[in-house]
N, C-alpha and C. Protein backbone atom coordinates (compact mmCIF):
# COMPACT_ATOMS: atom_id res chain seq x y z
N MET A 1 139.96 145.45 43.94
CA MET A 1 138.53 145.61 43.85
C MET A 1 137.90 144.21 43.83
N MET A 2 136.87 143.89 44.46
CA MET A 2 136.28 142.58 44.64
C MET A 2 135.84 141.99 43.12
N GLN A 3 135.98 140.55 42.81
CA GLN A 3 135.46 140.09 41.64
C GLN A 3 134.03 139.61 41.97
N ARG A 4 133.50 139.73 41.11
CA ARG A 4 131.88 139.61 41.06
C ARG A 4 131.63 138.03 40.76
N ARG A 5 130.78 137.27 41.54
CA ARG A 5 130.78 135.86 41.22
C ARG A 5 129.54 135.60 40.37
N ARG A 6 129.90 134.62 39.20
CA ARG A 6 128.62 134.23 38.58
C ARG A 6 127.58 133.76 39.40
N THR A 7 126.24 134.12 39.10
CA THR A 7 124.98 133.59 40.01
C THR A 7 125.00 132.30 39.81
N GLY A 8 124.65 131.39 40.82
CA GLY A 8 124.59 129.77 40.73
C GLY A 8 126.07 129.28 41.22
N SER A 9 126.87 130.18 41.44
CA SER A 9 128.11 129.45 41.56
C SER A 9 128.31 129.68 43.07
N ILE A 10 128.77 128.52 43.83
CA ILE A 10 129.12 128.64 45.42
C ILE A 10 130.31 128.22 45.69
N SER A 11 131.06 128.71 46.66
CA SER A 11 132.77 128.46 46.81
C SER A 11 132.52 127.22 47.64
N ARG A 12 133.51 126.56 47.74
CA ARG A 12 133.69 125.19 48.49
C ARG A 12 133.17 125.61 49.98
N ARG A 13 133.88 126.65 50.58
CA ARG A 13 133.71 127.22 51.94
C ARG A 13 132.36 127.38 52.28
N GLU A 14 131.52 128.07 51.22
CA GLU A 14 130.03 128.24 51.39
C GLU A 14 129.27 126.95 51.36
N ARG A 15 129.80 126.03 50.42
CA ARG A 15 129.03 124.89 50.64
C ARG A 15 129.06 123.91 51.88
N ALA A 16 130.41 123.97 52.19
CA ALA A 16 130.64 123.26 53.72
C ALA A 16 129.88 123.88 54.93
N ARG A 17 129.77 125.31 54.78
CA ARG A 17 129.09 125.90 55.98
C ARG A 17 127.56 125.42 55.82
N GLN A 18 127.05 125.46 54.66
CA GLN A 18 125.65 125.19 54.39
C GLN A 18 125.58 123.48 54.67
N ALA A 19 126.52 122.67 54.44
CA ALA A 19 126.16 121.43 54.83
C ALA A 19 126.34 121.37 56.22
N LYS A 20 127.01 121.95 56.90
CA LYS A 20 127.23 121.68 58.26
C LYS A 20 126.12 122.17 58.86
N ALA A 21 125.35 123.43 58.55
CA ALA A 21 124.23 123.90 59.13
C ALA A 21 122.87 122.74 58.93
N LYS A 22 122.84 122.24 57.53
CA LYS A 22 121.84 121.32 57.52
C LYS A 22 121.89 119.99 58.45
N ALA A 23 123.15 119.50 58.51
CA ALA A 23 123.53 118.41 59.35
C ALA A 23 123.29 118.82 60.90
N ARG A 24 123.49 120.12 61.38
CA ARG A 24 122.92 120.35 62.73
C ARG A 24 121.64 120.51 62.95
N GLU A 25 120.98 120.88 61.81
CA GLU A 25 119.17 121.04 62.02
C GLU A 25 118.76 119.51 61.82
N ARG A 26 119.49 118.49 61.08
CA ARG A 26 118.89 117.44 60.96
C ARG A 26 119.10 116.59 62.48
N ARG A 27 120.30 116.89 63.15
CA ARG A 27 120.59 116.04 64.33
C ARG A 27 119.34 116.76 65.39
N ARG A 28 119.21 118.09 65.27
CA ARG A 28 118.03 118.86 66.19
C ARG A 28 116.89 118.35 66.11
N GLN A 29 116.67 117.97 64.78
CA GLN A 29 114.95 117.41 64.58
C GLN A 29 115.19 115.83 65.26
N VAL A 30 116.22 115.11 64.91
CA VAL A 30 116.19 114.00 65.62
C VAL A 30 116.11 113.80 67.07
N ARG A 31 116.78 114.83 67.72
CA ARG A 31 116.58 115.02 69.15
C ARG A 31 115.12 115.33 69.65
N GLN A 32 114.89 116.14 68.98
CA GLN A 32 113.16 116.56 69.40
C GLN A 32 112.20 115.68 69.12
N SER A 33 112.24 114.65 68.06
CA SER A 33 111.46 113.90 67.83
C SER A 33 111.57 112.50 68.72
N TRP A 34 112.84 112.33 69.18
CA TRP A 34 113.26 111.56 70.30
C TRP A 34 112.68 111.60 71.68
N LYS A 35 112.45 113.00 72.10
CA LYS A 35 112.15 113.69 73.17
C LYS A 35 110.60 113.64 73.05
N ARG A 36 109.99 113.74 72.12
CA ARG A 36 108.40 113.35 71.92
C ARG A 36 108.00 112.06 72.16
N GLN A 37 108.81 111.15 71.42
CA GLN A 37 108.61 110.03 71.54
C GLN A 37 108.67 109.38 72.99
N GLN A 38 109.79 109.88 73.85
CA GLN A 38 109.96 109.62 75.25
C GLN A 38 108.73 110.07 76.06
N ALA A 39 108.39 111.33 75.85
CA ALA A 39 107.36 111.90 76.81
C ALA A 39 106.01 111.28 76.29
N GLY A 40 105.79 110.64 75.12
CA GLY A 40 104.52 109.78 74.97
C GLY A 40 104.46 108.47 75.58
N ARG A 41 105.41 108.21 76.29
CA ARG A 41 105.18 106.72 76.72
C ARG A 41 104.36 106.54 77.77
N THR A 42 104.25 107.36 78.67
CA THR A 42 103.18 107.45 79.86
C THR A 42 101.98 108.26 79.40
N ASP A 43 100.88 107.73 79.73
CA ASP A 43 99.69 108.35 79.54
C ASP A 43 99.36 109.32 80.76
N LYS A 44 99.65 108.68 81.89
CA LYS A 44 99.23 109.53 83.15
C LYS A 44 100.30 109.32 84.17
N SER A 45 100.63 110.29 84.90
CA SER A 45 101.80 110.20 85.82
C SER A 45 101.48 109.09 86.98
N PRO A 46 102.59 108.60 87.27
CA PRO A 46 102.36 107.39 88.34
C PRO A 46 102.26 108.08 89.70
N LEU A 47 101.43 107.10 90.33
CA LEU A 47 101.13 107.20 91.84
C LEU A 47 102.26 107.33 92.48
N PRO A 48 102.31 108.38 93.49
CA PRO A 48 103.44 108.96 94.41
C PRO A 48 103.50 107.56 95.29
N THR A 49 104.70 107.18 95.78
CA THR A 49 104.79 106.04 96.82
C THR A 49 104.25 106.62 98.23
N PRO A 50 103.67 105.77 98.97
CA PRO A 50 103.11 106.06 100.08
C PRO A 50 104.33 106.60 101.31
N GLN A 51 104.07 107.71 101.85
CA GLN A 51 104.91 108.08 102.94
C GLN A 51 104.63 107.39 104.05
N ALA A 52 105.30 107.11 104.95
CA ALA A 52 105.32 106.03 106.11
C ALA A 52 104.49 107.06 107.14
N ARG A 53 104.64 108.31 107.42
CA ARG A 53 103.89 109.22 108.48
C ARG A 53 102.42 109.12 108.03
N GLY A 54 102.13 109.53 106.90
CA GLY A 54 100.47 109.52 106.51
C GLY A 54 99.69 108.46 106.04
N TYR A 55 100.70 107.49 105.55
CA TYR A 55 99.84 106.29 104.83
C TYR A 55 99.14 105.55 105.52
N LEU A 56 99.35 105.31 106.98
CA LEU A 56 98.46 104.34 107.65
C LEU A 56 97.18 105.08 108.02
N ILE A 57 97.31 106.37 108.31
CA ILE A 57 96.16 107.19 108.66
C ILE A 57 95.29 107.31 107.66
N SER A 58 95.84 107.55 106.42
CA SER A 58 95.20 107.83 105.12
C SER A 58 94.24 106.64 104.92
N GLN A 59 95.06 105.28 105.04
CA GLN A 59 94.13 104.05 104.93
C GLN A 59 93.11 103.80 105.68
N PHE A 60 93.31 104.06 106.82
CA PHE A 60 92.03 104.28 107.87
C PHE A 60 90.81 104.94 107.43
N TRP A 61 91.42 106.27 106.92
CA TRP A 61 90.33 107.31 106.48
C TRP A 61 89.73 107.02 105.30
N GLN A 62 90.20 106.28 104.33
CA GLN A 62 89.66 105.73 103.48
C GLN A 62 88.84 104.51 103.90
N GLU A 63 89.29 103.43 104.43
CA GLU A 63 88.57 102.39 104.85
C GLU A 63 87.40 102.39 105.46
N PHE A 64 87.29 103.43 106.23
CA PHE A 64 86.16 103.72 107.22
C PHE A 64 85.30 104.94 106.63
N GLY A 65 85.75 105.28 105.46
CA GLY A 65 84.82 106.34 104.67
C GLY A 65 84.23 107.47 105.54
N LEU A 66 85.68 107.87 106.27
CA LEU A 66 85.28 109.23 107.04
C LEU A 66 85.07 110.63 106.51
N SER A 67 85.58 110.65 105.16
CA SER A 67 85.09 111.57 104.29
C SER A 67 83.78 111.86 104.27
N ALA A 68 83.06 110.95 103.55
CA ALA A 68 81.60 110.87 103.31
C ALA A 68 81.06 110.96 104.66
N PHE A 69 81.27 110.33 105.70
CA PHE A 69 80.44 110.63 107.12
C PHE A 69 81.02 111.93 107.58
N LEU A 70 82.05 112.47 107.47
CA LEU A 70 82.02 114.01 107.57
C LEU A 70 81.11 114.91 106.76
N THR A 71 80.92 114.47 105.65
CA THR A 71 80.15 115.49 104.67
C THR A 71 78.61 115.11 105.19
N SER A 72 78.32 114.24 105.40
CA SER A 72 76.88 113.78 106.00
C SER A 72 76.71 114.64 107.22
N LEU A 73 77.51 114.76 108.02
CA LEU A 73 77.48 115.83 109.07
C LEU A 73 77.46 117.35 108.79
N GLY A 74 77.70 117.50 107.47
CA GLY A 74 77.92 118.99 107.36
C GLY A 74 79.36 119.56 107.56
N ILE A 75 79.99 118.69 107.81
CA ILE A 75 81.75 119.30 107.95
C ILE A 75 82.49 119.20 106.62
N ARG A 76 82.97 120.22 106.03
CA ARG A 76 83.70 120.04 104.86
C ARG A 76 84.95 120.87 105.20
N LYS A 77 86.04 120.18 104.46
CA LYS A 77 87.54 120.83 104.78
C LYS A 77 87.87 121.43 103.37
N PHE A 78 88.02 122.77 103.40
CA PHE A 78 88.75 123.25 102.39
C PHE A 78 90.15 123.72 102.48
N LYS A 79 90.71 124.23 103.60
CA LYS A 79 92.03 124.70 103.51
C LYS A 79 92.35 124.35 105.00
N GLY A 80 93.75 124.53 105.17
CA GLY A 80 94.54 124.23 106.85
C GLY A 80 95.02 123.10 106.70
N LEU A 81 95.31 122.31 107.88
CA LEU A 81 95.59 120.97 107.79
C LEU A 81 94.99 119.90 107.11
N ALA A 82 95.52 118.76 106.85
CA ALA A 82 95.06 117.64 105.96
C ALA A 82 93.91 117.00 107.09
N ALA A 83 92.69 116.69 106.59
CA ALA A 83 92.07 115.90 107.52
C ALA A 83 92.33 114.55 107.88
N SER A 84 93.68 114.05 107.40
CA SER A 84 94.27 112.85 107.98
C SER A 84 94.96 113.19 109.30
N THR A 85 95.40 114.48 109.03
CA THR A 85 96.23 115.04 110.23
C THR A 85 95.53 115.41 111.40
N LEU A 86 94.26 115.87 111.01
CA LEU A 86 93.31 116.43 112.42
C LEU A 86 92.88 115.09 113.00
N LEU A 87 92.76 114.07 112.22
CA LEU A 87 92.19 112.93 112.89
C LEU A 87 93.34 112.31 113.78
N PHE A 88 94.71 112.45 113.44
CA PHE A 88 95.76 111.96 113.99
C PHE A 88 95.68 112.74 115.32
N ILE A 89 95.66 113.88 115.29
CA ILE A 89 95.65 114.87 116.69
C ILE A 89 94.47 114.54 117.50
N ALA A 90 93.38 114.18 117.01
CA ALA A 90 92.24 113.88 117.76
C ALA A 90 92.50 112.68 118.39
N LEU A 91 93.08 111.61 117.69
CA LEU A 91 93.42 110.29 118.29
C LEU A 91 94.54 110.53 119.68
N LEU A 92 95.40 111.65 118.96
CA LEU A 92 96.39 111.77 120.26
C LEU A 92 95.85 112.26 121.58
N PHE A 93 94.70 113.12 121.45
CA PHE A 93 94.04 113.72 122.35
C PHE A 93 93.48 112.41 123.39
N GLY A 94 93.04 111.48 122.87
CA GLY A 94 92.45 110.37 123.32
C GLY A 94 93.39 109.63 123.98
N VAL A 95 94.68 109.29 122.94
CA VAL A 95 95.65 108.30 123.99
C VAL A 95 96.59 109.11 124.87
N MET A 96 96.62 110.44 124.79
CA MET A 96 97.50 111.16 125.71
C MET A 96 96.68 111.82 127.09
N ASP A 97 95.27 111.48 126.88
CA ASP A 97 94.21 112.05 127.83
C ASP A 97 94.57 113.32 128.16
N ALA A 98 94.68 114.20 127.30
CA ALA A 98 94.58 115.53 126.95
C ALA A 98 93.40 116.27 127.16
N HIS A 99 93.52 117.63 127.80
CA HIS A 99 92.08 118.25 127.57
C HIS A 99 92.05 119.50 126.83
N SER A 100 93.58 119.93 126.38
CA SER A 100 93.43 121.21 125.41
C SER A 100 94.85 120.73 124.65
N ILE A 101 95.04 121.65 123.56
CA ILE A 101 96.03 121.69 122.84
C ILE A 101 97.48 121.82 123.55
N SER A 102 97.29 122.80 124.48
CA SER A 102 98.65 123.04 125.29
C SER A 102 98.91 122.15 126.18
N ASP A 103 97.89 121.26 126.80
CA ASP A 103 98.10 120.19 127.33
C ASP A 103 98.72 119.11 126.79
N LEU A 104 98.23 118.89 125.55
CA LEU A 104 98.43 117.61 124.63
C LEU A 104 100.04 118.00 124.14
N THR A 105 100.42 119.30 124.02
CA THR A 105 102.04 119.45 123.69
C THR A 105 102.87 119.18 124.62
N ASP A 106 102.36 119.49 125.84
CA ASP A 106 103.16 119.40 126.86
C ASP A 106 103.24 117.85 127.25
N LYS A 107 102.37 117.02 127.17
CA LYS A 107 102.30 115.70 127.47
C LYS A 107 103.13 114.79 126.29
N VAL A 108 103.05 115.24 125.02
CA VAL A 108 103.84 114.60 123.98
C VAL A 108 105.29 114.94 124.23
N ARG A 109 105.69 116.20 124.57
CA ARG A 109 107.12 116.63 124.97
C ARG A 109 107.66 115.81 125.90
N ALA A 110 106.92 115.20 126.91
CA ALA A 110 107.42 114.76 128.01
C ALA A 110 107.26 113.14 127.78
N ASP A 111 106.56 112.40 126.82
CA ASP A 111 106.40 111.20 126.36
C ASP A 111 107.85 110.80 125.69
N PRO A 112 108.65 109.85 126.21
CA PRO A 112 109.78 109.18 125.69
C PRO A 112 109.47 108.57 124.21
N VAL A 113 108.10 107.91 124.12
CA VAL A 113 108.04 107.22 122.81
C VAL A 113 107.30 108.32 121.69
N MET A 114 106.66 108.97 122.11
CA MET A 114 106.34 110.25 120.91
C MET A 114 107.54 111.30 120.57
N LEU A 115 108.63 111.39 121.40
CA LEU A 115 109.75 111.76 121.13
C LEU A 115 110.53 111.09 119.96
N LEU A 116 110.34 109.58 120.35
CA LEU A 116 111.45 108.94 119.01
C LEU A 116 110.33 108.97 117.82
N LEU A 117 109.14 109.05 117.69
CA LEU A 117 108.42 109.08 116.67
C LEU A 117 108.55 110.39 115.84
N ALA A 118 108.95 111.63 116.32
CA ALA A 118 108.91 112.82 115.73
C ALA A 118 110.19 113.07 114.95
């Protein structure tokens, strides 16, 4: 038969288990406060580093104000390829002296310099 314990008395094993649980909770709270502190260090996300392919074209695009120019003409871009990519393709039409998209793709595939850029 099991002996009844007096109210208020706790065994050593139970005290150790409770102390271990309290220590575990304190460590968890310290870790969580550290994460909050680390997360609060930056107010905004850093700007991504420019990629070599689109950086030059985007700089031209911003320098010449082509977004405002196209908007004044009534041309708006909502989805599909990026406007800088379309500008690059338009420049390729002039450089490669192409008259259609299929003509442009054929000339680009035949040009060794363009193959090195891809």
